[in-house]
Amino acid sequence: MIGSAMMCVSVVLLLIGMVAGMAMGIQQNFTLAPAHAHLNLIGGVLLFLFGLYYRLVPAAGNSTLARIQGSLHILGGLVLPAGVALTLLNNGAYFAAPAIGSVIVVVATLLFAVVLFRTERT
């Protein structure tokens, strides 16, 4: 089920984000703080919450749309913070990467809304 996969991926991303935050703190270099925040919130927290919903409402989590949504959100949860990091480290040279990641996350969230509202009506 996609909910379990989303929750597992979210924990891995959250741990990576936490370790990155600790490394920034130790080095006292917070250049990548926006990437760290996006990784924790979009890749960790939001992904976990969506996965939890799919686990709690199996009818929603078993749908094809839920699998598409979950896969897109995982992709966006990786592309967005990586794009932010690339942009910050390269003086804005890769500005398209976080934009693409943002669009992926927004589309995935819209799909979640569709799944949610469809499930709640039944």
C-alpha atoms as a PDB file:
ATOM      1  CA  MET A   1       0.000   0.000   0.000  1.00  0.00           C
ATOM      2  CA  ILE A   2       1.274   3.460  -0.898  1.00  0.00           C
ATOM      3  CA  GLY A   3       0.611   4.822   2.611  1.00  0.00           C
ATOM      4  CA  SER A   4       3.207   2.536   4.181  1.00  0.00           C
ATOM      5  CA  ALA A   5       5.768   3.363   1.503  1.00  0.00           C
ATOM      6  CA  MET A   6       5.158   7.092   1.975  1.00  0.00           C
ATOM      7  CA  MET A   7       5.605   6.817   5.728  1.00  0.00           C
ATOM      8  CA  CYS A   8       8.858   4.857   5.377  1.00  0.00           C
ATOM      9  CA  VAL A   9      10.309   7.297   2.831  1.00  0.00           C
ATOM     10  CA  SER A  10       9.232  10.240   4.999  1.00  0.00           C
ATOM     11  CA  VAL A  11      11.130   8.925   8.014  1.00  0.00           C
ATOM     12  CA  VAL A  12      14.295   8.474   5.938  1.00  0.00           C
ATOM     13  CA  LEU A  13      13.984  12.007   4.524  1.00  0.00           C
ATOM     14  CA  LEU A  14      13.288  13.426   7.972  1.00  0.00           C
ATOM     15  CA  LEU A  15      16.391  11.747   9.386  1.00  0.00           C
ATOM     16  CA  ILE A  16      18.492  13.098   6.502  1.00  0.00           C
ATOM     17  CA  GLY A  17      17.069  16.564   7.129  1.00  0.00           C
ATOM     18  CA  MET A  18      17.775  16.328  10.855  1.00  0.00           C
ATOM     19  CA  VAL A  19      21.371  15.221  10.301  1.00  0.00           C
ATOM     20  CA  ALA A  20      21.817  18.053   7.777  1.00  0.00           C
ATOM     21  CA  GLY A  21      20.475  20.491  10.374  1.00  0.00           C
ATOM     22  CA  MET A  22      22.884  19.176  12.979  1.00  0.00           C
ATOM     23  CA  ALA A  23      25.783  19.516  10.517  1.00  0.00           C
ATOM     24  CA  MET A  24      24.794  23.119   9.801  1.00  0.00           C
ATOM     25  CA  GLY A  25      24.660  23.847  13.509  1.00  0.00           C
ATOM     26  CA  ILE A  26      28.039  22.283  14.189  1.00  0.00           C
ATOM     27  CA  GLN A  27      29.616  24.234  11.329  1.00  0.00           C
ATOM     28  CA  GLN A  28      27.646  27.394  12.126  1.00  0.00           C
ATOM     29  CA  ASN A  29      26.916  27.653   8.405  1.00  0.00           C
ATOM     30  CA  PHE A  30      23.205  28.015   7.735  1.00  0.00           C
ATOM     31  CA  THR A  31      23.359  28.643   3.988  1.00  0.00           C
ATOM     32  CA  LEU A  32      21.308  25.541   3.296  1.00  0.00           C
ATOM     33  CA  ALA A  33      18.666  26.226   5.974  1.00  0.00           C
ATOM     34  CA  PRO A  34      15.895  26.687   3.362  1.00  0.00           C
ATOM     35  CA  ALA A  35      16.728  23.313   1.773  1.00  0.00           C
ATOM     36  CA  HIS A  36      16.806  21.712   5.227  1.00  0.00           C
ATOM     37  CA  ALA A  37      13.397  23.189   6.070  1.00  0.00           C
ATOM     38  CA  HIS A  38      11.828  22.046   2.790  1.00  0.00           C
ATOM     39  CA  LEU A  39      13.255  18.551   3.201  1.00  0.00           C
ATOM     40  CA  ASN A  40      11.892  18.253   6.742  1.00  0.00           C
ATOM     41  CA  LEU A  41       8.477  19.760   6.075  1.00  0.00           C
ATOM     42  CA  ILE A  42       7.648  18.492   2.587  1.00  0.00           C
ATOM     43  CA  GLY A  43       9.679  15.297   2.524  1.00  0.00           C
ATOM     44  CA  GLY A  44       9.249  14.412   6.178  1.00  0.00           C
ATOM     45  CA  VAL A  45       6.132  15.837   7.764  1.00  0.00           C
ATOM     46  CA  LEU A  46       3.736  16.316   4.851  1.00  0.00           C
ATOM     47  CA  LEU A  47       4.640  13.010   3.224  1.00  0.00           C
ATOM     48  CA  PHE A  48       4.108  11.239   6.554  1.00  0.00           C
ATOM     49  CA  LEU A  49       0.707  12.866   7.075  1.00  0.00           C
ATOM     50  CA  PHE A  50      -0.502  11.907   3.598  1.00  0.00           C
ATOM     51  CA  GLY A  51       0.761   8.349   4.139  1.00  0.00           C
ATOM     52  CA  LEU A  52      -0.919   8.190   7.527  1.00  0.00           C
ATOM     53  CA  TYR A  53      -4.241   9.202   5.975  1.00  0.00           C
ATOM     54  CA  TYR A  54      -3.878   6.431   3.402  1.00  0.00           C
ATOM     55  CA  ARG A  55      -3.162   3.933   6.178  1.00  0.00           C
ATOM     56  CA  LEU A  56      -6.131   5.093   8.251  1.00  0.00           C
ATOM     57  CA  VAL A  57      -8.507   5.182   5.264  1.00  0.00           C
ATOM     58  CA  PRO A  58      -7.616   2.082   3.232  1.00  0.00           C
ATOM     59  CA  ALA A  59     -10.262   2.837   0.609  1.00  0.00           C
ATOM     60  CA  ALA A  60      -8.333   5.984  -0.268  1.00  0.00           C
ATOM     61  CA  GLY A  61      -4.891   4.392  -0.078  1.00  0.00           C
ATOM     62  CA  ASN A  62      -5.759   1.510  -2.379  1.00  0.00           C
ATOM     63  CA  SER A  63      -6.740   3.713  -5.308  1.00  0.00           C
ATOM     64  CA  THR A  64      -4.617   4.211  -8.403  1.00  0.00           C
ATOM     65  CA  LEU A  65      -4.829   7.963  -7.890  1.00  0.00           C
ATOM     66  CA  ALA A  66      -3.340   7.573  -4.392  1.00  0.00           C
ATOM     67  CA  ARG A  67      -0.383   5.650  -5.822  1.00  0.00           C
ATOM     68  CA  ILE A  68       0.174   8.356  -8.424  1.00  0.00           C
ATOM     69  CA  GLN A  69      -0.157  11.074  -5.781  1.00  0.00           C
ATOM     70  CA  GLY A  70       2.227   9.342  -3.398  1.00  0.00           C
ATOM     71  CA  SER A  71       4.821   8.725  -6.087  1.00  0.00           C
ATOM     72  CA  LEU A  72       4.625  12.336  -7.256  1.00  0.00           C
ATOM     73  CA  HIS A  73       4.940  13.654  -3.718  1.00  0.00           C
ATOM     74  CA  ILE A  74       8.000  11.506  -3.062  1.00  0.00           C
ATOM     75  CA  LEU A  75       9.555  12.810  -6.281  1.00  0.00           C
ATOM     76  CA  GLY A  76       8.694  16.412  -5.418  1.00  0.00           C
ATOM     77  CA  GLY A  77       9.895  15.921  -1.843  1.00  0.00           C
ATOM     78  CA  LEU A  78      13.310  15.048  -3.266  1.00  0.00           C
ATOM     79  CA  VAL A  79      13.506  17.475  -6.202  1.00  0.00           C
ATOM     80  CA  LEU A  80      12.365  20.605  -4.327  1.00  0.00           C
ATOM     81  CA  PRO A  81      14.919  20.600  -1.470  1.00  0.00           C
ATOM     82  CA  ALA A  82      17.699  19.363  -3.749  1.00  0.00           C
ATOM     83  CA  GLY A  83      16.858  22.173  -6.169  1.00  0.00           C
ATOM     84  CA  VAL A  84      16.864  24.729  -3.370  1.00  0.00           C
ATOM     85  CA  ALA A  85      20.273  23.466  -2.245  1.00  0.00           C
ATOM     86  CA  LEU A  86      21.698  23.570  -5.784  1.00  0.00           C
ATOM     87  CA  THR A  87      20.371  27.077  -6.291  1.00  0.00           C
ATOM     88  CA  LEU A  88      21.783  28.336  -2.989  1.00  0.00           C
ATOM     89  CA  LEU A  89      25.197  26.773  -3.580  1.00  0.00           C
ATOM     90  CA  ASN A  90      25.483  28.001  -7.173  1.00  0.00           C
ATOM     91  CA  ASN A  91      24.337  31.623  -6.965  1.00  0.00           C
ATOM     92  CA  GLY A  92      20.912  30.937  -8.409  1.00  0.00           C
ATOM     93  CA  ALA A  93      22.200  29.018 -11.429  1.00  0.00           C
ATOM     94  CA  TYR A  94      19.731  26.169 -11.013  1.00  0.00           C
ATOM     95  CA  PHE A  95      16.626  28.237 -10.277  1.00  0.00           C
ATOM     96  CA  ALA A  96      14.453  25.962 -12.433  1.00  0.00           C
ATOM     97  CA  ALA A  97      15.047  22.927 -10.200  1.00  0.00           C
ATOM     98  CA  PRO A  98      13.163  24.198  -7.131  1.00  0.00           C
ATOM     99  CA  ALA A  99      10.461  25.613  -9.407  1.00  0.00           C
ATOM    100  CA  ILE A 100       9.944  22.194 -10.986  1.00  0.00           C
ATOM    101  CA  GLY A 101       9.974  20.554  -7.563  1.00  0.00           C
ATOM    102  CA  SER A 102       7.408  23.061  -6.311  1.00  0.00           C
ATOM    103  CA  VAL A 103       5.082  22.359  -9.217  1.00  0.00           C
ATOM    104  CA  ILE A 104       5.385  18.613  -8.609  1.00  0.00           C
ATOM    105  CA  VAL A 105       4.527  19.063  -4.902  1.00  0.00           C
ATOM    106  CA  VAL A 106       1.558  21.320  -5.675  1.00  0.00           C
ATOM    107  CA  VAL A 107       0.210  18.860  -8.256  1.00  0.00           C
ATOM    108  CA  ALA A 108       0.652  16.004  -5.773  1.00  0.00           C
ATOM    109  CA  THR A 109      -1.184  17.993  -3.106  1.00  0.00           C
ATOM    110  CA  LEU A 110      -4.013  18.770  -5.518  1.00  0.00           C
ATOM    111  CA  LEU A 111      -4.272  15.065  -6.282  1.00  0.00           C
ATOM    112  CA  PHE A 112      -4.406  14.369  -2.546  1.00  0.00           C
ATOM    113  CA  ALA A 113      -7.293  16.827  -2.278  1.00  0.00           C
ATOM    114  CA  VAL A 114      -9.113  14.939  -5.036  1.00  0.00           C
ATOM    115  CA  VAL A 115      -8.525  11.612  -3.263  1.00  0.00           C
ATOM    116  CA  LEU A 116      -9.634  13.099   0.053  1.00  0.00           C
ATOM    117  CA  PHE A 117     -12.848  14.638  -1.255  1.00  0.00           C
ATOM    118  CA  ARG A 118     -13.736  11.542  -3.292  1.00  0.00           C
ATOM    119  CA  THR A 119     -13.220   9.325  -0.256  1.00  0.00           C
ATOM    120  CA  GLU A 120     -15.170  11.565   2.091  1.00  0.00           C
ATOM    121  CA  ARG A 121     -18.212  11.552  -0.238  1.00  0.00           C
ATOM    122  CA  THR A 122     -18.501   7.762  -0.264  1.00  0.00           C
END
